[in-house]
PDB file of N, CA and C in Angstrom:
ATOM      1  N   MET A   1      -2.714  -5.501 -13.302  1.00  0.00           N
ATOM      2  CA  MET A   1      -2.776  -4.110 -13.658  1.00  0.00           C
ATOM      3  C   MET A   1      -1.745  -3.856 -14.740  1.00  0.00           C
ATOM      4  N   ARG A   2      -2.121  -3.116 -15.718  1.00  0.00           N
ATOM      5  CA  ARG A   2      -1.253  -2.836 -16.848  1.00  0.00           C
ATOM      6  C   ARG A   2      -0.953  -1.347 -16.903  1.00  0.00           C
ATOM      7  N   ASN A   3       0.302  -0.983 -16.925  1.00  0.00           N
ATOM      8  CA  ASN A   3       0.668   0.427 -17.003  1.00  0.00           C
ATOM      9  C   ASN A   3       0.517   0.926 -18.426  1.00  0.00           C
ATOM     10  N   THR A   4      -0.093   2.062 -18.564  1.00  0.00           N
ATOM     11  CA  THR A   4      -0.224   2.731 -19.848  1.00  0.00           C
ATOM     12  C   THR A   4       0.455   4.081 -19.723  1.00  0.00           C
ATOM     13  N   PRO A   5       0.751   4.737 -20.835  1.00  0.00           N
ATOM     14  CA  PRO A   5       1.404   6.043 -20.734  1.00  0.00           C
ATOM     15  C   PRO A   5       0.649   7.031 -19.850  1.00  0.00           C
ATOM     16  N   SER A   6      -0.664   6.908 -19.758  1.00  0.00           N
ATOM     17  CA  SER A   6      -1.442   7.865 -18.977  1.00  0.00           C
ATOM     18  C   SER A   6      -1.301   7.675 -17.472  1.00  0.00           C
ATOM     19  N   ASN A   7      -0.941   6.489 -17.002  1.00  0.00           N
ATOM     20  CA  ASN A   7      -0.843   6.291 -15.560  1.00  0.00           C
ATOM     21  C   ASN A   7       0.527   5.822 -15.099  1.00  0.00           C
ATOM     22  N   TYR A   8       1.439   5.558 -15.989  1.00  0.00           N
ATOM     23  CA  TYR A   8       2.731   5.001 -15.629  1.00  0.00           C
ATOM     24  C   TYR A   8       3.512   5.902 -14.675  1.00  0.00           C
ATOM     25  N   ASP A   9       3.420   7.198 -14.869  1.00  0.00           N
ATOM     26  CA  ASP A   9       4.178   8.127 -14.040  1.00  0.00           C
ATOM     27  C   ASP A   9       3.506   8.454 -12.715  1.00  0.00           C
ATOM     28  N   GLU A  10       2.294   7.987 -12.508  1.00  0.00           N
ATOM     29  CA  GLU A  10       1.585   8.288 -11.268  1.00  0.00           C
ATOM     30  C   GLU A  10       2.013   7.325 -10.164  1.00  0.00           C
ATOM     31  N   HIS A  11       2.119   7.841  -8.955  1.00  0.00           N
ATOM     32  CA  HIS A  11       2.517   7.011  -7.822  1.00  0.00           C
ATOM     33  C   HIS A  11       1.293   6.269  -7.257  1.00  0.00           C
ATOM     34  N   PHE A  12       1.578   5.240  -6.492  1.00  0.00           N
ATOM     35  CA  PHE A  12       0.532   4.496  -5.791  1.00  0.00           C
ATOM     36  C   PHE A  12       0.211   5.230  -4.509  1.00  0.00           C
ATOM     37  N   GLU A  13      -1.039   5.187  -4.088  1.00  0.00           N
ATOM     38  CA  GLU A  13      -1.424   5.786  -2.818  1.00  0.00           C
ATOM     39  C   GLU A  13      -2.572   4.994  -2.193  1.00  0.00           C
ATOM     40  N   LEU A  14      -2.565   4.954  -0.880  1.00  0.00           N
ATOM     41  CA  LEU A  14      -3.639   4.310  -0.134  1.00  0.00           C
ATOM     42  C   LEU A  14      -4.819   5.276  -0.114  1.00  0.00           C
ATOM     43  N   VAL A  15      -5.979   4.810  -0.609  1.00  0.00           N
ATOM     44  CA  VAL A  15      -7.137   5.707  -0.665  1.00  0.00           C
ATOM     45  C   VAL A  15      -8.200   5.385   0.373  1.00  0.00           C
ATOM     46  N   SER A  16      -8.248   4.135   0.860  1.00  0.00           N
ATOM     47  CA  SER A  16      -9.242   3.833   1.888  1.00  0.00           C
ATOM     48  C   SER A  16      -8.927   2.538   2.618  1.00  0.00           C
ATOM     49  N   VAL A  17      -9.414   2.485   3.856  1.00  0.00           N
ATOM     50  CA  VAL A  17      -9.400   1.273   4.676  1.00  0.00           C
ATOM     51  C   VAL A  17     -10.769   1.243   5.349  1.00  0.00           C
ATOM     52  N   THR A  18     -11.618   0.286   4.945  1.00  0.00           N
ATOM     53  CA  THR A  18     -12.985   0.249   5.461  1.00  0.00           C
ATOM     54  C   THR A  18     -13.333  -1.126   6.016  1.00  0.00           C
ATOM     55  N   PRO A  19     -14.112  -1.159   7.102  1.00  0.00           N
ATOM     56  CA  PRO A  19     -14.547  -2.443   7.655  1.00  0.00           C
ATOM     57  C   PRO A  19     -15.360  -3.220   6.616  1.00  0.00           C
ATOM     58  N   THR A  20     -15.242  -4.528   6.644  1.00  0.00           N
ATOM     59  CA  THR A  20     -15.978  -5.361   5.697  1.00  0.00           C
ATOM     60  C   THR A  20     -16.369  -6.682   6.349  1.00  0.00           C
ATOM     61  N   GLU A  21     -17.222  -7.405   5.697  1.00  0.00           N
ATOM     62  CA  GLU A  21     -17.628  -8.735   6.167  1.00  0.00           C
ATOM     63  C   GLU A  21     -16.452  -9.702   6.050  1.00  0.00           C
ATOM     64  N   THR A  22     -16.475 -10.741   6.868  1.00  0.00           N
ATOM     65  CA  THR A  22     -15.454 -11.778   6.788  1.00  0.00           C
ATOM     66  C   THR A  22     -15.551 -12.461   5.431  1.00  0.00           C
ATOM     67  N   PRO A  23     -14.454 -12.527   4.671  1.00  0.00           N
ATOM     68  CA  PRO A  23     -14.487 -13.212   3.377  1.00  0.00           C
ATOM     69  C   PRO A  23     -14.838 -14.689   3.546  1.00  0.00           C
ATOM     70  N   ALA A  24     -15.495 -15.252   2.557  1.00  0.00           N
ATOM     71  CA  ALA A  24     -15.911 -16.662   2.591  1.00  0.00           C
ATOM     72  C   ALA A  24     -14.711 -17.568   2.831  1.00  0.00           C
ATOM     73  N   GLY A  25     -14.875 -18.507   3.747  1.00  0.00           N
ATOM     74  CA  GLY A  25     -13.832 -19.478   4.029  1.00  0.00           C
ATOM     75  C   GLY A  25     -12.740 -18.993   4.965  1.00  0.00           C
ATOM     76  N   MET A  26     -12.872 -17.769   5.459  1.00  0.00           N
ATOM     77  CA  MET A  26     -11.848 -17.226   6.355  1.00  0.00           C
ATOM     78  C   MET A  26     -12.375 -17.199   7.784  1.00  0.00           C
ATOM     79  N   GLU A  27     -11.445 -17.162   8.741  1.00  0.00           N
ATOM     80  CA  GLU A  27     -11.828 -17.090  10.149  1.00  0.00           C
ATOM     81  C   GLU A  27     -12.494 -15.764  10.459  1.00  0.00           C
ATOM     82  N   ASP A  28     -13.485 -15.818  11.350  1.00  0.00           N
ATOM     83  CA  ASP A  28     -14.119 -14.573  11.777  1.00  0.00           C
ATOM     84  C   ASP A  28     -13.091 -13.677  12.445  1.00  0.00           C
ATOM     85  N   GLY A  29     -13.335 -12.402  12.386  1.00  0.00           N
ATOM     86  CA  GLY A  29     -12.441 -11.431  12.993  1.00  0.00           C
ATOM     87  C   GLY A  29     -12.794 -10.044  12.504  1.00  0.00           C
ATOM     88  N   ASN A  30     -11.943  -9.108  12.797  1.00  0.00           N
ATOM     89  CA  ASN A  30     -12.120  -7.744  12.307  1.00  0.00           C
ATOM     90  C   ASN A  30     -11.460  -7.657  10.939  1.00  0.00           C
ATOM     91  N   TRP A  31     -12.263  -7.632   9.893  1.00  0.00           N
ATOM     92  CA  TRP A  31     -11.754  -7.588   8.531  1.00  0.00           C
ATOM     93  C   TRP A  31     -11.926  -6.201   7.939  1.00  0.00           C
ATOM     94  N   TYR A  32     -10.942  -5.825   7.129  1.00  0.00           N
ATOM     95  CA  TYR A  32     -10.966  -4.537   6.444  1.00  0.00           C
ATOM     96  C   TYR A  32     -10.629  -4.747   4.977  1.00  0.00           C
ATOM     97  N   CYS A  33     -11.206  -3.905   4.155  1.00  0.00           N
ATOM     98  CA  CYS A  33     -10.860  -3.845   2.738  1.00  0.00           C
ATOM     99  C   CYS A  33     -10.040  -2.565   2.553  1.00  0.00           C
ATOM    100  N   TYR A  34      -8.867  -2.700   1.949  1.00  0.00           N
ATOM    101  CA  TYR A  34      -8.075  -1.505   1.649  1.00  0.00           C
ATOM    102  C   TYR A  34      -8.027  -1.333   0.134  1.00  0.00           C
ATOM    103  N   GLU A  35      -7.962  -0.087  -0.286  1.00  0.00           N
ATOM    104  CA  GLU A  35      -7.858   0.218  -1.707  1.00  0.00           C
ATOM    105  C   GLU A  35      -6.630   1.086  -1.946  1.00  0.00           C
ATOM    106  N   ILE A  36      -5.847   0.667  -2.922  1.00  0.00           N
ATOM    107  CA  ILE A  36      -4.655   1.381  -3.335  1.00  0.00           C
ATOM    108  C   ILE A  36      -4.891   1.817  -4.775  1.00  0.00           C
ATOM    109  N   ALA A  37      -4.616   3.079  -5.061  1.00  0.00           N
ATOM    110  CA  ALA A  37      -4.838   3.600  -6.408  1.00  0.00           C
ATOM    111  C   ALA A  37      -3.535   4.026  -7.050  1.00  0.00           C
ATOM    112  N   GLN A  38      -3.494   3.854  -8.352  1.00  0.00           N
ATOM    113  CA  GLN A  38      -2.470   4.448  -9.206  1.00  0.00           C
ATOM    114  C   GLN A  38      -3.247   5.034 -10.373  1.00  0.00           C
ATOM    115  N   GLY A  39      -3.510   6.318 -10.292  1.00  0.00           N
ATOM    116  CA  GLY A  39      -4.377   6.935 -11.290  1.00  0.00           C
ATOM    117  C   GLY A  39      -5.762   6.321 -11.209  1.00  0.00           C
ATOM    118  N   ALA A  40      -6.277   5.849 -12.335  1.00  0.00           N
ATOM    119  CA  ALA A  40      -7.608   5.245 -12.384  1.00  0.00           C
ATOM    120  C   ALA A  40      -7.596   3.770 -11.981  1.00  0.00           C
ATOM    121  N   ASN A  41      -6.419   3.176 -11.855  1.00  0.00           N
ATOM    122  CA  ASN A  41      -6.323   1.769 -11.471  1.00  0.00           C
ATOM    123  C   ASN A  41      -6.474   1.623  -9.967  1.00  0.00           C
ATOM    124  N   ILE A  42      -7.279   0.652  -9.545  1.00  0.00           N
ATOM    125  CA  ILE A  42      -7.511   0.398  -8.128  1.00  0.00           C
ATOM    126  C   ILE A  42      -7.131  -1.044  -7.806  1.00  0.00           C
ATOM    127  N   ILE A  43      -6.376  -1.214  -6.745  1.00  0.00           N
ATOM    128  CA  ILE A  43      -6.046  -2.535  -6.206  1.00  0.00           C
ATOM    129  C   ILE A  43      -6.807  -2.659  -4.894  1.00  0.00           C
ATOM    130  N   SER A  44      -7.607  -3.710  -4.749  1.00  0.00           N
ATOM    131  CA  SER A  44      -8.342  -3.961  -3.507  1.00  0.00           C
ATOM    132  C   SER A  44      -7.743  -5.172  -2.818  1.00  0.00           C
ATOM    133  N   GLY A  45      -7.603  -5.077  -1.511  1.00  0.00           N
ATOM    134  CA  GLY A  45      -7.093  -6.187  -0.724  1.00  0.00           C
ATOM    135  C   GLY A  45      -7.880  -6.318   0.558  1.00  0.00           C
ATOM    136  N   TYR A  46      -7.806  -7.479   1.186  1.00  0.00           N
ATOM    137  CA  TYR A  46      -8.522  -7.750   2.429  1.00  0.00           C
ATOM    138  C   TYR A  46      -7.530  -8.248   3.456  1.00  0.00           C
ATOM    139  N   ARG A  47      -7.733  -7.792   4.690  1.00  0.00           N
ATOM    140  CA  ARG A  47      -6.830  -8.195   5.760  1.00  0.00           C
ATOM    141  C   ARG A  47      -7.581  -8.119   7.084  1.00  0.00           C
ATOM    142  N   SER A  48      -7.245  -9.018   7.992  1.00  0.00           N
ATOM    143  CA  SER A  48      -7.863  -8.967   9.318  1.00  0.00           C
ATOM    144  C   SER A  48      -6.891  -8.313  10.288  1.00  0.00           C
ATOM    145  N   GLY A  49      -7.454  -7.772  11.358  1.00  0.00           N
ATOM    146  CA  GLY A  49      -6.639  -7.121  12.381  1.00  0.00           C
ATOM    147  C   GLY A  49      -7.284  -5.824  12.794  1.00  0.00           C
ATOM    148  N   SER A  50      -6.540  -5.033  13.522  1.00  0.00           N
ATOM    149  CA  SER A  50      -7.051  -3.721  13.917  1.00  0.00           C
ATOM    150  C   SER A  50      -6.951  -2.788  12.712  1.00  0.00           C
ATOM    151  N   ARG A  51      -7.733  -1.724  12.733  1.00  0.00           N
ATOM    152  CA  ARG A  51      -7.680  -0.750  11.636  1.00  0.00           C
ATOM    153  C   ARG A  51      -6.258  -0.191  11.504  1.00  0.00           C
ATOM    154  N   LYS A  52      -5.622   0.071  12.645  1.00  0.00           N
ATOM    155  CA  LYS A  52      -4.266   0.625  12.648  1.00  0.00           C
ATOM    156  C   LYS A  52      -3.281  -0.343  11.985  1.00  0.00           C
ATOM    157  N   ALA A  53      -3.380  -1.631  12.331  1.00  0.00           N
ATOM    158  CA  ALA A  53      -2.470  -2.634  11.773  1.00  0.00           C
ATOM    159  C   ALA A  53      -2.698  -2.827  10.278  1.00  0.00           C
ATOM    160  N   VAL A  54      -3.952  -2.853   9.864  1.00  0.00           N
ATOM    161  CA  VAL A  54      -4.264  -3.016   8.447  1.00  0.00           C
ATOM    162  C   VAL A  54      -3.776  -1.801   7.657  1.00  0.00           C
ATOM    163  N   THR A  55      -3.985  -0.614   8.206  1.00  0.00           N
ATOM    164  CA  THR A  55      -3.519   0.602   7.540  1.00  0.00           C
ATOM    165  C   THR A  55      -2.002   0.593   7.393  1.00  0.00           C
ATOM    166  N   ALA A  56      -1.300   0.207   8.448  1.00  0.00           N
ATOM    167  CA  ALA A  56       0.166   0.144   8.402  1.00  0.00           C
ATOM    168  C   ALA A  56       0.635  -0.864   7.350  1.00  0.00           C
ATOM    169  N   ALA A  57      -0.016  -2.024   7.293  1.00  0.00           N
ATOM    170  CA  ALA A  57       0.363  -3.046   6.312  1.00  0.00           C
ATOM    171  C   ALA A  57       0.102  -2.550   4.887  1.00  0.00           C
ATOM    172  N   ALA A  58      -1.027  -1.889   4.677  1.00  0.00           N
ATOM    173  CA  ALA A  58      -1.354  -1.369   3.348  1.00  0.00           C
ATOM    174  C   ALA A  58      -0.382  -0.258   2.949  1.00  0.00           C
ATOM    175  N   GLU A  59       0.001   0.589   3.898  1.00  0.00           N
ATOM    176  CA  GLU A  59       0.975   1.654   3.603  1.00  0.00           C
ATOM    177  C   GLU A  59       2.339   1.060   3.245  1.00  0.00           C
ATOM    178  N   GLU A  60       2.685  -0.046   3.876  1.00  0.00           N
ATOM    179  CA  GLU A  60       3.938  -0.720   3.532  1.00  0.00           C
ATOM    180  C   GLU A  60       3.880  -1.256   2.103  1.00  0.00           C
ATOM    181  N   ILE A  61       2.733  -1.811   1.722  1.00  0.00           N
ATOM    182  CA  ILE A  61       2.551  -2.301   0.348  1.00  0.00           C
ATOM    183  C   ILE A  61       2.691  -1.143  -0.634  1.00  0.00           C
ATOM    184  N   VAL A  62       2.077  -0.005  -0.311  1.00  0.00           N
ATOM    185  CA  VAL A  62       2.172   1.181  -1.169  1.00  0.00           C
ATOM    186  C   VAL A  62       3.634   1.582  -1.343  1.00  0.00           C
ATOM    187  N   GLY A  63       4.373   1.612  -0.248  1.00  0.00           N
ATOM    188  CA  GLY A  63       5.792   1.954  -0.326  1.00  0.00           C
ATOM    189  C   GLY A  63       6.564   1.000  -1.222  1.00  0.00           C
ATOM    190  N   GLN A  64       6.291  -0.289  -1.093  1.00  0.00           N
ATOM    191  CA  GLN A  64       6.981  -1.287  -1.910  1.00  0.00           C
ATOM    192  C   GLN A  64       6.619  -1.139  -3.385  1.00  0.00           C
ATOM    193  N   LEU A  65       5.351  -0.872  -3.667  1.00  0.00           N
ATOM    194  CA  LEU A  65       4.929  -0.681  -5.055  1.00  0.00           C
ATOM    195  C   LEU A  65       5.607   0.540  -5.666  1.00  0.00           C
ATOM    196  N   ASN A  66       5.690   1.621  -4.903  1.00  0.00           N
ATOM    197  CA  ASN A  66       6.343   2.824  -5.420  1.00  0.00           C
ATOM    198  C   ASN A  66       7.841   2.621  -5.606  1.00  0.00           C
ATOM    199  N   GLU A  67       8.479   1.900  -4.694  1.00  0.00           N
ATOM    200  CA  GLU A  67       9.895   1.603  -4.848  1.00  0.00           C
ATOM    201  C   GLU A  67      10.129   0.765  -6.103  1.00  0.00           C
ATOM    202  N   ARG A  68       9.289  -0.226  -6.303  1.00  0.00           N
ATOM    203  CA  ARG A  68       9.424  -1.104  -7.468  1.00  0.00           C
ATOM    204  C   ARG A  68       9.211  -0.312  -8.761  1.00  0.00           C
ATOM    205  N   ARG A  69       8.242   0.587  -8.732  1.00  0.00           N
ATOM    206  CA  ARG A  69       7.912   1.385  -9.913  1.00  0.00           C
ATOM    207  C   ARG A  69       9.081   2.286 -10.302  1.00  0.00           C
ATOM    208  N   LEU A  70       9.800   2.794  -9.302  1.00  0.00           N
ATOM    209  CA  LEU A  70      10.871   3.748  -9.564  1.00  0.00           C
ATOM    210  C   LEU A  70      12.232   3.103  -9.796  1.00  0.00           C
ATOM    211  N   GLY A  71      12.388   1.839  -9.448  1.00  0.00           N
ATOM    212  CA  GLY A  71      13.640   1.142  -9.705  1.00  0.00           C
ATOM    213  C   GLY A  71      14.620   1.203  -8.558  1.00  0.00           C
ATOM    214  N   LYS A  72      15.787   0.631  -8.757  1.00  0.00           N
ATOM    215  CA  LYS A  72      16.799   0.489  -7.710  1.00  0.00           C
ATOM    216  C   LYS A  72      17.293   1.832  -7.180  1.00  0.00           C
ATOM    217  N   ARG A  73      17.480   2.804  -8.047  1.00  0.00           N
ATOM    218  CA  ARG A  73      17.992   4.106  -7.602  1.00  0.00           C
ATOM    219  C   ARG A  73      17.036   4.729  -6.594  1.00  0.00           C
ATOM    220  N   ALA A  74      15.753   4.682  -6.902  1.00  0.00           N
ATOM    221  CA  ALA A  74      14.751   5.253  -5.994  1.00  0.00           C
ATOM    222  C   ALA A  74      14.708   4.473  -4.692  1.00  0.00           C
ATOM    223  N   THR A  75      14.868   3.162  -4.760  1.00  0.00           N
ATOM    224  CA  THR A  75      14.867   2.348  -3.556  1.00  0.00           C
ATOM    225  C   THR A  75      16.004   2.777  -2.634  1.00  0.00           C
ATOM    226  N   ALA A  76      17.167   3.029  -3.187  1.00  0.00           N
ATOM    227  CA  ALA A  76      18.311   3.463  -2.383  1.00  0.00           C
ATOM    228  C   ALA A  76      18.049   4.835  -1.767  1.00  0.00           C
ATOM    229  N   ILE A  77      17.465   5.732  -2.529  1.00  0.00           N
ATOM    230  CA  ILE A  77      17.152   7.075  -2.023  1.00  0.00           C
ATOM    231  C   ILE A  77      16.122   6.988  -0.901  1.00  0.00           C
ATOM    232  N   LEU A  78      15.068   6.177  -1.095  1.00  0.00           N
ATOM    233  CA  LEU A  78      14.030   6.033  -0.078  1.00  0.00           C
ATOM    234  C   LEU A  78      14.590   5.387   1.186  1.00  0.00           C
ATOM    235  N   GLU A  79      15.472   4.412   1.037  1.00  0.00           N
ATOM    236  CA  GLU A  79      16.078   3.754   2.196  1.00  0.00           C
ATOM    237  C   GLU A  79      16.927   4.750   2.977  1.00  0.00           C
ATOM    238  N   LYS A  80      17.664   5.591   2.273  1.00  0.00           N
ATOM    239  CA  LYS A  80      18.482   6.609   2.920  1.00  0.00           C
ATOM    240  C   LYS A  80      17.603   7.587   3.704  1.00  0.00           C
ATOM    241  N   ALA A  81      16.462   7.961   3.121  1.00  0.00           N
ATOM    242  CA  ALA A  81      15.525   8.875   3.799  1.00  0.00           C
ATOM    243  C   ALA A  81      14.937   8.219   5.047  1.00  0.00           C
ATOM    244  N   LYS A  82      14.615   6.924   4.970  1.00  0.00           N
ATOM    245  CA  LYS A  82      14.082   6.194   6.123  1.00  0.00           C
ATOM    246  C   LYS A  82      15.102   6.179   7.270  1.00  0.00           C
ATOM    247  N   LEU A  83      16.365   5.912   6.924  1.00  0.00           N
ATOM    248  CA  LEU A  83      17.424   5.867   7.933  1.00  0.00           C
ATOM    249  C   LEU A  83      17.608   7.233   8.573  1.00  0.00           C
ATOM    250  N   ALA A  84      17.566   8.298   7.771  1.00  0.00           N
ATOM    251  CA  ALA A  84      17.710   9.654   8.317  1.00  0.00           C
ATOM    252  C   ALA A  84      16.558   9.989   9.244  1.00  0.00           C
ATOM    253  N   LYS A  85      15.344   9.590   8.875  1.00  0.00           N
ATOM    254  CA  LYS A  85      14.162   9.834   9.703  1.00  0.00           C
ATOM    255  C   LYS A  85      14.269   9.083  11.020  1.00  0.00           C
ATOM    256  N   ALA A  86      14.720   7.825  10.963  1.00  0.00           N
ATOM    257  CA  ALA A  86      14.867   7.009  12.165  1.00  0.00           C
ATOM    258  C   ALA A  86      15.940   7.587  13.089  1.00  0.00           C
ATOM    259  N   ALA A  87      16.988   8.154  12.522  1.00  0.00           N
ATOM    260  CA  ALA A  87      18.065   8.727  13.313  1.00  0.00           C
ATOM    261  C   ALA A  87      17.608   9.965  14.076  1.00  0.00           C
ATOM    262  N   LYS A  88      16.627  10.694  13.538  1.00  0.00           N
ATOM    263  CA  LYS A  88      16.120  11.898  14.175  1.00  0.00           C
ATOM    264  C   LYS A  88      15.264  11.594  15.394  1.00  0.00           C
ATOM    265  N   LYS A  89      14.712  10.381  15.466  1.00  0.00           N
ATOM    266  CA  LYS A  89      13.814  10.016  16.571  1.00  0.00           C
ATOM    267  C   LYS A  89      14.545   9.842  17.860  1.00  0.00           C
TER     268      LYS A  89
END
């Protein structure tokens, strides 16, 4: 994926998690296709597991992509927010 001025400032977001056929050469199981978008760019990935587990894994990827996009300062801010949220529980 190549960032252009039109999409560089847009954040990544999880747009779907849908059941799919087992990919060729992979073990049978519950497979899902997830799609992550940044503007018009779409990243598709496949993962086996429960819908909940696949969604959680894809959301973690989204978080990592957004942290990487924003740089070290944003990573520190997001980590601080995560710690504050965990402390409230």
